[in-house]
């Protein structure tokens, strides 16, 4: 076996570093990514790692380390600049950014997707409430573009028709949007009490009601219905992982719906790991060709 060159070694270490981020930070996405082919799994890990790195800058880790707000904004700007340069050159001294650039240059991820992402991350540094317009822009940049990045990895080396590509893009965006909205609901209390943010337009966290909860979850279910219909059009190797991610968040949505609105002001709802593993088994049994047997997207069913 030929010895690795310096660049090959650096590339490998960068990708391994990124892979460790998803394993440490997310049981749901980490579990789903294990169902992907090795190359695609590593690519998805690099996307997740960059997103998590930016998240940690704006969501409290930088502040906990003692950085003042102005420096935190500067760090996010520097990360975007580094990412932009790495997309052009294929190199960064930041291992996570370097790994992301390897994926981006191989799959066609460009600044058209990274720029809206960093715009949404920057909004978290200065915006505490949203209008419908700013909310839609935030969800697009923070979640829908991530779905589109992942889709480019799934389609790497695969040719699809224009119509199929359009349906897949809509499915990817709607799944990303559903993930983000579910996360907003799950973290309702912490986002407001700890970070001072209220994401949903027209929703007052202190007076969050059953009507608010069901209206927001109906919107999530509409997103999941569209994204679920697109799974069968993905390349076969990607279907189980996407189906599992979809079903894990559908289960979380159902649990949020079954939790009284007043409790969501102080409780973080989660899906226990044994339930996640059970759902994974159901998805594997069907290879992602259909949703797990207990999936329901029927309005206010718990």
C-alpha atoms as a PDB file:
ATOM      1  CA  UNK A   1       0.000   0.000   0.000  1.00  0.00           C
ATOM      2  CA  UNK A   2       1.347   3.410  -1.016  1.00  0.00           C
ATOM      3  CA  UNK A   3       2.133   5.786   1.807  1.00  0.00           C
ATOM      4  CA  UNK A   4      -0.221   8.755   2.191  1.00  0.00           C
ATOM      5  CA  UNK A   5       1.003  12.086   0.929  1.00  0.00           C
ATOM      6  CA  UNK A   6       0.878  15.050   3.285  1.00  0.00           C
ATOM      7  CA  UNK A   7      -2.312  16.344   1.679  1.00  0.00           C
ATOM      8  CA  UNK A   8      -3.980  12.929   1.740  1.00  0.00           C
ATOM      9  CA  UNK A   9      -3.208  12.602   5.431  1.00  0.00           C
ATOM     10  CA  UNK A  10      -4.519  16.100   6.125  1.00  0.00           C
ATOM     11  CA  UNK A  11      -7.727  15.378   4.178  1.00  0.00           C
ATOM     12  CA  UNK A  12      -8.301  12.156   6.095  1.00  0.00           C
ATOM     13  CA  UNK A  13      -7.715  13.739   9.489  1.00  0.00           C
ATOM     14  CA  UNK A  14     -10.057  16.614   8.579  1.00  0.00           C
ATOM     15  CA  UNK A  15     -12.871  14.251   7.592  1.00  0.00           C
ATOM     16  CA  UNK A  16     -12.324  12.104  10.686  1.00  0.00           C
ATOM     17  CA  UNK A  17     -12.497  15.237  12.830  1.00  0.00           C
ATOM     18  CA  UNK A  18     -15.796  16.251  11.243  1.00  0.00           C
ATOM     19  CA  UNK A  19     -17.181  12.744  11.704  1.00  0.00           C
ATOM     20  CA  UNK A  20     -16.545  12.952  15.428  1.00  0.00           C
ATOM     21  CA  UNK A  21     -18.776  16.026  15.688  1.00  0.00           C
ATOM     22  CA  UNK A  22     -21.957  14.329  14.507  1.00  0.00           C
ATOM     23  CA  UNK A  23     -21.278  11.299  16.714  1.00  0.00           C
ATOM     24  CA  UNK A  24     -20.885  13.494  19.781  1.00  0.00           C
ATOM     25  CA  UNK A  25     -23.634  16.037  19.220  1.00  0.00           C
ATOM     26  CA  UNK A  26     -26.610  14.230  17.682  1.00  0.00           C
ATOM     27  CA  UNK A  27     -27.974  10.772  18.326  1.00  0.00           C
ATOM     28  CA  UNK A  28     -30.758  11.260  15.758  1.00  0.00           C
ATOM     29  CA  UNK A  29     -28.655  12.470  12.830  1.00  0.00           C
ATOM     30  CA  UNK A  30     -25.762  10.243  13.867  1.00  0.00           C
ATOM     31  CA  UNK A  31     -28.042   7.199  13.834  1.00  0.00           C
ATOM     32  CA  UNK A  32     -29.581   8.098  10.481  1.00  0.00           C
ATOM     33  CA  UNK A  33     -26.212   8.799   8.862  1.00  0.00           C
ATOM     34  CA  UNK A  34     -25.020   5.285   9.721  1.00  0.00           C
ATOM     35  CA  UNK A  35     -27.486   3.955   7.149  1.00  0.00           C
ATOM     36  CA  UNK A  36     -25.693   5.782   4.332  1.00  0.00           C
ATOM     37  CA  UNK A  37     -22.889   4.369   2.156  1.00  0.00           C
ATOM     38  CA  UNK A  38     -19.460   5.220   3.662  1.00  0.00           C
ATOM     39  CA  UNK A  39     -18.565   8.025   1.236  1.00  0.00           C
ATOM     40  CA  UNK A  40     -21.942   9.735   1.582  1.00  0.00           C
ATOM     41  CA  UNK A  41     -21.935   9.265   5.362  1.00  0.00           C
ATOM     42  CA  UNK A  42     -18.590  11.063   5.601  1.00  0.00           C
ATOM     43  CA  UNK A  43     -19.819  13.872   3.348  1.00  0.00           C
ATOM     44  CA  UNK A  44     -22.939  14.424   5.463  1.00  0.00           C
ATOM     45  CA  UNK A  45     -20.742  14.459   8.542  1.00  0.00           C
ATOM     46  CA  UNK A  46     -18.696  17.336   7.138  1.00  0.00           C
ATOM     47  CA  UNK A  47     -21.839  19.397   6.521  1.00  0.00           C
ATOM     48  CA  UNK A  48     -23.147  18.723  10.010  1.00  0.00           C
ATOM     49  CA  UNK A  49     -19.797  19.664  11.552  1.00  0.00           C
ATOM     50  CA  UNK A  50     -19.649  23.070   9.867  1.00  0.00           C
ATOM     51  CA  UNK A  51     -23.248  23.816  10.839  1.00  0.00           C
ATOM     52  CA  UNK A  52     -22.556  22.789  14.431  1.00  0.00           C
ATOM     53  CA  UNK A  53     -19.415  24.923  14.552  1.00  0.00           C
ATOM     54  CA  UNK A  54     -21.405  28.006  13.557  1.00  0.00           C
ATOM     55  CA  UNK A  55     -24.206  27.054  15.944  1.00  0.00           C
ATOM     56  CA  UNK A  56     -21.807  26.861  18.852  1.00  0.00           C
ATOM     57  CA  UNK A  57     -20.490  30.344  18.092  1.00  0.00           C
ATOM     58  CA  UNK A  58     -23.951  31.941  18.248  1.00  0.00           C
ATOM     59  CA  UNK A  59     -25.700  29.695  20.790  1.00  0.00           C
ATOM     60  CA  UNK A  60     -23.649  30.255  23.887  1.00  0.00           C
ATOM     61  CA  UNK A  61     -20.376  28.320  23.863  1.00  0.00           C
ATOM     62  CA  UNK A  62     -18.371  31.323  22.735  1.00  0.00           C
ATOM     63  CA  UNK A  63     -20.091  33.487  25.355  1.00  0.00           C
ATOM     64  CA  UNK A  64     -19.505  30.827  28.007  1.00  0.00           C
ATOM     65  CA  UNK A  65     -15.811  30.975  27.126  1.00  0.00           C
ATOM     66  CA  UNK A  66     -15.883  34.656  28.023  1.00  0.00           C
ATOM     67  CA  UNK A  67     -16.007  36.309  24.592  1.00  0.00           C
ATOM     68  CA  UNK A  68     -17.862  39.647  24.386  1.00  0.00           C
ATOM     69  CA  UNK A  69     -20.679  40.007  21.797  1.00  0.00           C
ATOM     70  CA  UNK A  70     -18.563  42.013  19.356  1.00  0.00           C
ATOM     71  CA  UNK A  71     -15.898  39.320  19.284  1.00  0.00           C
ATOM     72  CA  UNK A  72     -18.522  36.604  18.800  1.00  0.00           C
ATOM     73  CA  UNK A  73     -19.823  38.372  15.718  1.00  0.00           C
ATOM     74  CA  UNK A  74     -16.263  38.695  14.469  1.00  0.00           C
ATOM     75  CA  UNK A  75     -15.680  34.977  14.927  1.00  0.00           C
ATOM     76  CA  UNK A  76     -18.760  34.147  12.854  1.00  0.00           C
ATOM     77  CA  UNK A  77     -17.597  36.544  10.141  1.00  0.00           C
ATOM     78  CA  UNK A  78     -14.166  34.901  10.177  1.00  0.00           C
ATOM     79  CA  UNK A  79     -15.720  31.439   9.869  1.00  0.00           C
ATOM     80  CA  UNK A  80     -17.722  32.535   6.841  1.00  0.00           C
ATOM     81  CA  UNK A  81     -14.663  34.126   5.253  1.00  0.00           C
ATOM     82  CA  UNK A  82     -12.640  30.973   5.892  1.00  0.00           C
ATOM     83  CA  UNK A  83     -15.418  28.836   4.399  1.00  0.00           C
ATOM     84  CA  UNK A  84     -15.668  31.040   1.330  1.00  0.00           C
ATOM     85  CA  UNK A  85     -11.909  30.875   0.752  1.00  0.00           C
ATOM     86  CA  UNK A  86     -11.844  27.111   1.269  1.00  0.00           C
ATOM     87  CA  UNK A  87     -14.588  26.661  -1.327  1.00  0.00           C
ATOM     88  CA  UNK A  88     -12.336  28.437  -3.802  1.00  0.00           C
ATOM     89  CA  UNK A  89      -8.976  26.921  -2.826  1.00  0.00           C
ATOM     90  CA  UNK A  90      -9.836  23.542  -1.302  1.00  0.00           C
ATOM     91  CA  UNK A  91      -7.814  24.275   1.824  1.00  0.00           C
ATOM     92  CA  UNK A  92      -8.301  25.632   5.348  1.00  0.00           C
ATOM     93  CA  UNK A  93      -6.260  25.520   8.530  1.00  0.00           C
ATOM     94  CA  UNK A  94      -9.572  24.791  10.293  1.00  0.00           C
ATOM     95  CA  UNK A  95     -10.050  21.026   9.959  1.00  0.00           C
ATOM     96  CA  UNK A  96     -13.856  21.244   9.990  1.00  0.00           C
ATOM     97  CA  UNK A  97     -13.900  23.916   7.288  1.00  0.00           C
ATOM     98  CA  UNK A  98     -11.353  21.964   5.252  1.00  0.00           C
ATOM     99  CA  UNK A  99     -13.483  18.813   5.447  1.00  0.00           C
ATOM    100  CA  UNK A 100     -16.595  20.744   4.403  1.00  0.00           C
ATOM    101  CA  UNK A 101     -14.738  22.241   1.439  1.00  0.00           C
ATOM    102  CA  UNK A 102     -13.733  18.766   0.265  1.00  0.00           C
ATOM    103  CA  UNK A 103     -17.399  17.758   0.228  1.00  0.00           C
ATOM    104  CA  UNK A 104     -18.585  21.019  -1.306  1.00  0.00           C
ATOM    105  CA  UNK A 105     -16.099  20.938  -4.172  1.00  0.00           C
ATOM    106  CA  UNK A 106     -16.908  17.292  -4.909  1.00  0.00           C
ATOM    107  CA  UNK A 107     -20.697  17.667  -4.895  1.00  0.00           C
ATOM    108  CA  UNK A 108     -21.316  21.184  -6.191  1.00  0.00           C
ATOM    109  CA  UNK A 109     -22.170  23.014  -2.959  1.00  0.00           C
ATOM    110  CA  UNK A 110     -21.483  26.698  -3.559  1.00  0.00           C
ATOM    111  CA  UNK A 111     -21.811  30.079  -1.865  1.00  0.00           C
ATOM    112  CA  UNK A 112     -25.420  30.151  -3.107  1.00  0.00           C
ATOM    113  CA  UNK A 113     -26.112  27.822  -0.169  1.00  0.00           C
ATOM    114  CA  UNK A 114     -23.475  28.861   2.368  1.00  0.00           C
ATOM    115  CA  UNK A 115     -24.269  32.591   2.195  1.00  0.00           C
ATOM    116  CA  UNK A 116     -27.921  32.208   3.312  1.00  0.00           C
ATOM    117  CA  UNK A 117     -26.763  29.856   6.061  1.00  0.00           C
ATOM    118  CA  UNK A 118     -24.350  32.367   7.549  1.00  0.00           C
ATOM    119  CA  UNK A 119     -26.946  35.128   7.140  1.00  0.00           C
ATOM    120  CA  UNK A 120     -29.335  33.156   9.348  1.00  0.00           C
ATOM    121  CA  UNK A 121     -26.613  32.435  11.889  1.00  0.00           C
ATOM    122  CA  UNK A 122     -25.796  36.140  12.002  1.00  0.00           C
ATOM    123  CA  UNK A 123     -29.468  36.947  12.627  1.00  0.00           C
ATOM    124  CA  UNK A 124     -29.257  35.004  15.894  1.00  0.00           C
ATOM    125  CA  UNK A 125     -26.748  37.534  17.171  1.00  0.00           C
ATOM    126  CA  UNK A 126     -29.080  40.503  16.835  1.00  0.00           C
ATOM    127  CA  UNK A 127     -32.702  39.437  16.306  1.00  0.00           C
ATOM    128  CA  UNK A 128     -34.851  38.239  19.215  1.00  0.00           C
ATOM    129  CA  UNK A 129     -38.264  38.239  17.499  1.00  0.00           C
ATOM    130  CA  UNK A 130     -39.345  37.486  13.945  1.00  0.00           C
ATOM    131  CA  UNK A 131     -41.907  38.673  11.442  1.00  0.00           C
ATOM    132  CA  UNK A 132     -43.214  36.118   8.962  1.00  0.00           C
ATOM    133  CA  UNK A 133     -40.775  37.426   6.349  1.00  0.00           C
ATOM    134  CA  UNK A 134     -37.700  37.217   8.584  1.00  0.00           C
ATOM    135  CA  UNK A 135     -38.847  33.830   9.930  1.00  0.00           C
ATOM    136  CA  UNK A 136     -39.154  32.375   6.422  1.00  0.00           C
ATOM    137  CA  UNK A 137     -35.717  33.732   5.498  1.00  0.00           C
ATOM    138  CA  UNK A 138     -34.229  32.377   8.717  1.00  0.00           C
ATOM    139  CA  UNK A 139     -35.661  28.883   8.189  1.00  0.00           C
ATOM    140  CA  UNK A 140     -34.461  28.857   4.598  1.00  0.00           C
ATOM    141  CA  UNK A 141     -30.909  29.773   5.545  1.00  0.00           C
ATOM    142  CA  UNK A 142     -30.623  27.739   8.726  1.00  0.00           C
ATOM    143  CA  UNK A 143     -32.381  24.567   7.589  1.00  0.00           C
ATOM    144  CA  UNK A 144     -33.627  24.373   4.012  1.00  0.00           C
ATOM    145  CA  UNK A 145     -30.194  25.023   2.516  1.00  0.00           C
ATOM    146  CA  UNK A 146     -28.804  22.231   4.698  1.00  0.00           C
ATOM    147  CA  UNK A 147     -31.340  19.886   3.149  1.00  0.00           C
ATOM    148  CA  UNK A 148     -30.226  21.037  -0.287  1.00  0.00           C
ATOM    149  CA  UNK A 149     -26.568  20.455   0.609  1.00  0.00           C
ATOM    150  CA  UNK A 150     -27.361  16.931   1.757  1.00  0.00           C
ATOM    151  CA  UNK A 151     -29.355  16.304  -1.424  1.00  0.00           C
ATOM    152  CA  UNK A 152     -26.312  17.226  -3.513  1.00  0.00           C
ATOM    153  CA  UNK A 153     -24.375  14.553  -1.610  1.00  0.00           C
ATOM    154  CA  UNK A 154     -27.104  11.972  -2.228  1.00  0.00           C
ATOM    155  CA  UNK A 155     -27.106  12.821  -5.945  1.00  0.00           C
ATOM    156  CA  UNK A 156     -23.305  12.856  -6.275  1.00  0.00           C
ATOM    157  CA  UNK A 157     -22.628  10.949  -9.493  1.00  0.00           C
ATOM    158  CA  UNK A 158     -26.360  10.359 -10.125  1.00  0.00           C
ATOM    159  CA  UNK A 159     -28.221  11.856 -13.076  1.00  0.00           C
ATOM    160  CA  UNK A 160     -31.897  12.773 -12.603  1.00  0.00           C
ATOM    161  CA  UNK A 161     -34.477  14.493 -14.780  1.00  0.00           C
ATOM    162  CA  UNK A 162     -35.327  18.150 -14.337  1.00  0.00           C
ATOM    163  CA  UNK A 163     -38.780  17.332 -12.935  1.00  0.00           C
ATOM    164  CA  UNK A 164     -37.425  14.759 -10.509  1.00  0.00           C
ATOM    165  CA  UNK A 165     -34.707  17.145  -9.358  1.00  0.00           C
ATOM    166  CA  UNK A 166     -37.353  19.798  -8.689  1.00  0.00           C
ATOM    167  CA  UNK A 167     -39.414  17.387  -6.565  1.00  0.00           C
ATOM    168  CA  UNK A 168     -36.317  16.273  -4.678  1.00  0.00           C
ATOM    169  CA  UNK A 169     -35.289  19.851  -3.964  1.00  0.00           C
ATOM    170  CA  UNK A 170     -38.743  20.669  -2.616  1.00  0.00           C
ATOM    171  CA  UNK A 171     -38.669  17.541  -0.465  1.00  0.00           C
ATOM    172  CA  UNK A 172     -35.222  18.411   0.882  1.00  0.00           C
ATOM    173  CA  UNK A 173     -36.256  21.958   1.725  1.00  0.00           C
ATOM    174  CA  UNK A 174     -39.509  20.922   3.384  1.00  0.00           C
ATOM    175  CA  UNK A 175     -37.752  18.260   5.456  1.00  0.00           C
ATOM    176  CA  UNK A 176     -35.156  20.786   6.603  1.00  0.00           C
ATOM    177  CA  UNK A 177     -37.922  23.249   7.473  1.00  0.00           C
ATOM    178  CA  UNK A 178     -39.796  20.584   9.458  1.00  0.00           C
ATOM    179  CA  UNK A 179     -36.656  19.716  11.421  1.00  0.00           C
ATOM    180  CA  UNK A 180     -36.078  23.356  12.307  1.00  0.00           C
ATOM    181  CA  UNK A 181     -39.662  24.063  13.332  1.00  0.00           C
ATOM    182  CA  UNK A 182     -39.762  20.943  15.516  1.00  0.00           C
ATOM    183  CA  UNK A 183     -36.500  22.034  17.132  1.00  0.00           C
ATOM    184  CA  UNK A 184     -37.946  25.490  17.795  1.00  0.00           C
ATOM    185  CA  UNK A 185     -40.927  23.900  19.554  1.00  0.00           C
ATOM    186  CA  UNK A 186     -38.798  21.445  21.508  1.00  0.00           C
ATOM    187  CA  UNK A 187     -36.456  24.223  22.649  1.00  0.00           C
ATOM    188  CA  UNK A 188     -39.187  26.828  23.134  1.00  0.00           C
ATOM    189  CA  UNK A 189     -38.416  27.511  26.784  1.00  0.00           C
ATOM    190  CA  UNK A 190     -34.614  27.400  26.530  1.00  0.00           C
ATOM    191  CA  UNK A 191     -34.475  29.633  23.452  1.00  0.00           C
ATOM    192  CA  UNK A 192     -36.581  32.241  25.241  1.00  0.00           C
ATOM    193  CA  UNK A 193     -35.274  31.995  28.801  1.00  0.00           C
ATOM    194  CA  UNK A 194     -31.585  31.420  28.060  1.00  0.00           C
ATOM    195  CA  UNK A 195     -31.019  33.020  24.655  1.00  0.00           C
ATOM    196  CA  UNK A 196     -33.810  35.604  24.687  1.00  0.00           C
ATOM    197  CA  UNK A 197     -35.190  34.484  21.314  1.00  0.00           C
ATOM    198  CA  UNK A 198     -38.747  33.955  20.132  1.00  0.00           C
ATOM    199  CA  UNK A 199     -38.733  32.429  16.652  1.00  0.00           C
ATOM    200  CA  UNK A 200     -42.404  31.906  15.765  1.00  0.00           C
ATOM    201  CA  UNK A 201     -44.083  35.107  14.511  1.00  0.00           C
ATOM    202  CA  UNK A 202     -47.016  36.209  16.633  1.00  0.00           C
ATOM    203  CA  UNK A 203     -46.374  33.626  19.354  1.00  0.00           C
ATOM    204  CA  UNK A 204     -45.844  34.825  22.921  1.00  0.00           C
ATOM    205  CA  UNK A 205     -43.833  32.198  24.788  1.00  0.00           C
ATOM    206  CA  UNK A 206     -45.239  33.199  28.166  1.00  0.00           C
ATOM    207  CA  UNK A 207     -48.783  32.688  26.888  1.00  0.00           C
ATOM    208  CA  UNK A 208     -48.120  29.733  24.580  1.00  0.00           C
ATOM    209  CA  UNK A 209     -51.449  27.963  24.060  1.00  0.00           C
ATOM    210  CA  UNK A 210     -52.840  24.670  22.796  1.00  0.00           C
ATOM    211  CA  UNK A 211     -54.089  26.509  19.721  1.00  0.00           C
ATOM    212  CA  UNK A 212     -50.565  27.843  19.072  1.00  0.00           C
ATOM    213  CA  UNK A 213     -49.084  24.382  19.490  1.00  0.00           C
ATOM    214  CA  UNK A 214     -51.513  22.614  17.157  1.00  0.00           C
ATOM    215  CA  UNK A 215     -51.283  25.336  14.504  1.00  0.00           C
ATOM    216  CA  UNK A 216     -47.493  25.117  14.443  1.00  0.00           C
ATOM    217  CA  UNK A 217     -47.477  21.323  14.414  1.00  0.00           C
ATOM    218  CA  UNK A 218     -50.041  21.243  11.604  1.00  0.00           C
ATOM    219  CA  UNK A 219     -47.515  23.276   9.603  1.00  0.00           C
ATOM    220  CA  UNK A 220     -44.772  20.764  10.494  1.00  0.00           C
ATOM    221  CA  UNK A 221     -46.990  17.866   9.410  1.00  0.00           C
ATOM    222  CA  UNK A 222     -47.649  19.566   6.068  1.00  0.00           C
ATOM    223  CA  UNK A 223     -43.881  19.834   5.529  1.00  0.00           C
ATOM    224  CA  UNK A 224     -43.379  16.182   6.473  1.00  0.00           C
ATOM    225  CA  UNK A 225     -46.110  15.071   4.092  1.00  0.00           C
ATOM    226  CA  UNK A 226     -44.319  16.701   1.161  1.00  0.00           C
ATOM    227  CA  UNK A 227     -40.852  15.522   2.192  1.00  0.00           C
ATOM    228  CA  UNK A 228     -42.111  12.003   2.823  1.00  0.00           C
ATOM    229  CA  UNK A 229     -43.525  11.744  -0.678  1.00  0.00           C
ATOM    230  CA  UNK A 230     -40.109  12.601  -2.144  1.00  0.00           C
ATOM    231  CA  UNK A 231     -38.186   9.844  -0.351  1.00  0.00           C
ATOM    232  CA  UNK A 232     -39.062   7.196  -2.955  1.00  0.00           C
ATOM    233  CA  UNK A 233     -37.455   9.386  -5.642  1.00  0.00           C
ATOM    234  CA  UNK A 234     -34.084   9.485  -3.883  1.00  0.00           C
ATOM    235  CA  UNK A 235     -31.312   7.128  -4.998  1.00  0.00           C
ATOM    236  CA  UNK A 236     -31.953   3.787  -3.223  1.00  0.00           C
ATOM    237  CA  UNK A 237     -28.811   4.042  -1.081  1.00  0.00           C
ATOM    238  CA  UNK A 238     -30.027   7.301   0.498  1.00  0.00           C
ATOM    239  CA  UNK A 239     -33.635   6.311   1.209  1.00  0.00           C
ATOM    240  CA  UNK A 240     -33.259   4.454   4.534  1.00  0.00           C
ATOM    241  CA  UNK A 241     -31.248   7.246   6.157  1.00  0.00           C
ATOM    242  CA  UNK A 242     -33.610   9.998   5.036  1.00  0.00           C
ATOM    243  CA  UNK A 243     -36.654   7.927   5.983  1.00  0.00           C
ATOM    244  CA  UNK A 244     -35.197   7.355   9.444  1.00  0.00           C
ATOM    245  CA  UNK A 245     -34.405  11.039   9.969  1.00  0.00           C
ATOM    246  CA  UNK A 246     -37.919  11.930   8.836  1.00  0.00           C
ATOM    247  CA  UNK A 247     -39.548   9.391  11.121  1.00  0.00           C
ATOM    248  CA  UNK A 248     -37.477  10.361  14.159  1.00  0.00           C
ATOM    249  CA  UNK A 249     -38.653  13.951  13.827  1.00  0.00           C
ATOM    250  CA  UNK A 250     -42.211  12.832  13.094  1.00  0.00           C
ATOM    251  CA  UNK A 251     -42.106  10.908  16.369  1.00  0.00           C
ATOM    252  CA  UNK A 252     -40.815  13.988  18.161  1.00  0.00           C
ATOM    253  CA  UNK A 253     -43.614  16.012  16.567  1.00  0.00           C
ATOM    254  CA  UNK A 254     -46.194  13.529  17.841  1.00  0.00           C
ATOM    255  CA  UNK A 255     -44.735  13.706  21.345  1.00  0.00           C
ATOM    256  CA  UNK A 256     -44.820  17.489  21.254  1.00  0.00           C
ATOM    257  CA  UNK A 257     -48.462  17.346  20.204  1.00  0.00           C
ATOM    258  CA  UNK A 258     -49.263  15.036  23.102  1.00  0.00           C
ATOM    259  CA  UNK A 259     -47.530  17.338  25.610  1.00  0.00           C
ATOM    260  CA  UNK A 260     -49.690  20.119  27.116  1.00  0.00           C
ATOM    261  CA  UNK A 261     -48.695  23.521  25.782  1.00  0.00           C
ATOM    262  CA  UNK A 262     -48.068  24.830  29.286  1.00  0.00           C
ATOM    263  CA  UNK A 263     -45.445  22.114  29.829  1.00  0.00           C
ATOM    264  CA  UNK A 264     -43.586  23.081  26.648  1.00  0.00           C
ATOM    265  CA  UNK A 265     -42.790  26.395  28.321  1.00  0.00           C
ATOM    266  CA  UNK A 266     -40.567  24.553  30.793  1.00  0.00           C
ATOM    267  CA  UNK A 267     -39.978  21.012  29.464  1.00  0.00           C
ATOM    268  CA  UNK A 268     -37.707  19.772  26.677  1.00  0.00           C
ATOM    269  CA  UNK A 269     -39.445  16.851  24.986  1.00  0.00           C
ATOM    270  CA  UNK A 270     -37.229  14.140  23.509  1.00  0.00           C
ATOM    271  CA  UNK A 271     -37.485  10.705  21.899  1.00  0.00           C
ATOM    272  CA  UNK A 272     -35.879   8.053  24.148  1.00  0.00           C
ATOM    273  CA  UNK A 273     -33.012   6.114  22.592  1.00  0.00           C
ATOM    274  CA  UNK A 274     -34.828   2.731  22.746  1.00  0.00           C
ATOM    275  CA  UNK A 275     -37.653   4.242  20.677  1.00  0.00           C
ATOM    276  CA  UNK A 276     -35.135   5.617  18.185  1.00  0.00           C
ATOM    277  CA  UNK A 277     -33.621   2.155  17.810  1.00  0.00           C
ATOM    278  CA  UNK A 278     -37.061   0.587  17.367  1.00  0.00           C
ATOM    279  CA  UNK A 279     -37.878   3.067  14.608  1.00  0.00           C
ATOM    280  CA  UNK A 280     -34.505   2.382  12.972  1.00  0.00           C
ATOM    281  CA  UNK A 281     -35.344  -1.334  12.936  1.00  0.00           C
ATOM    282  CA  UNK A 282     -38.674  -0.635  11.264  1.00  0.00           C
ATOM    283  CA  UNK A 283     -37.037   1.528   8.626  1.00  0.00           C
ATOM    284  CA  UNK A 284     -34.360  -1.077   7.935  1.00  0.00           C
ATOM    285  CA  UNK A 285     -37.026  -3.745   7.542  1.00  0.00           C
ATOM    286  CA  UNK A 286     -38.496  -1.791   4.644  1.00  0.00           C
ATOM    287  CA  UNK A 287     -35.208  -0.247   3.403  1.00  0.00           C
ATOM    288  CA  UNK A 288     -36.821   3.171   3.536  1.00  0.00           C
ATOM    289  CA  UNK A 289     -39.381   2.367   0.845  1.00  0.00           C
ATOM    290  CA  UNK A 290     -42.202   3.409   3.129  1.00  0.00           C
ATOM    291  CA  UNK A 291     -42.558   5.180   6.435  1.00  0.00           C
ATOM    292  CA  UNK A 292     -42.435   3.209   9.646  1.00  0.00           C
ATOM    293  CA  UNK A 293     -45.748   1.506  10.534  1.00  0.00           C
ATOM    294  CA  UNK A 294     -46.708   3.978  13.251  1.00  0.00           C
ATOM    295  CA  UNK A 295     -46.128   7.129  11.191  1.00  0.00           C
ATOM    296  CA  UNK A 296     -49.125   9.446  11.144  1.00  0.00           C
ATOM    297  CA  UNK A 297     -49.399  12.888   9.668  1.00  0.00           C
ATOM    298  CA  UNK A 298     -53.061  13.385  10.421  1.00  0.00           C
ATOM    299  CA  UNK A 299     -53.462  16.779  11.994  1.00  0.00           C
ATOM    300  CA  UNK A 300     -54.022  16.544  15.711  1.00  0.00           C
ATOM    301  CA  UNK A 301     -53.468  12.849  16.239  1.00  0.00           C
ATOM    302  CA  UNK A 302     -51.003  12.348  19.141  1.00  0.00           C
END
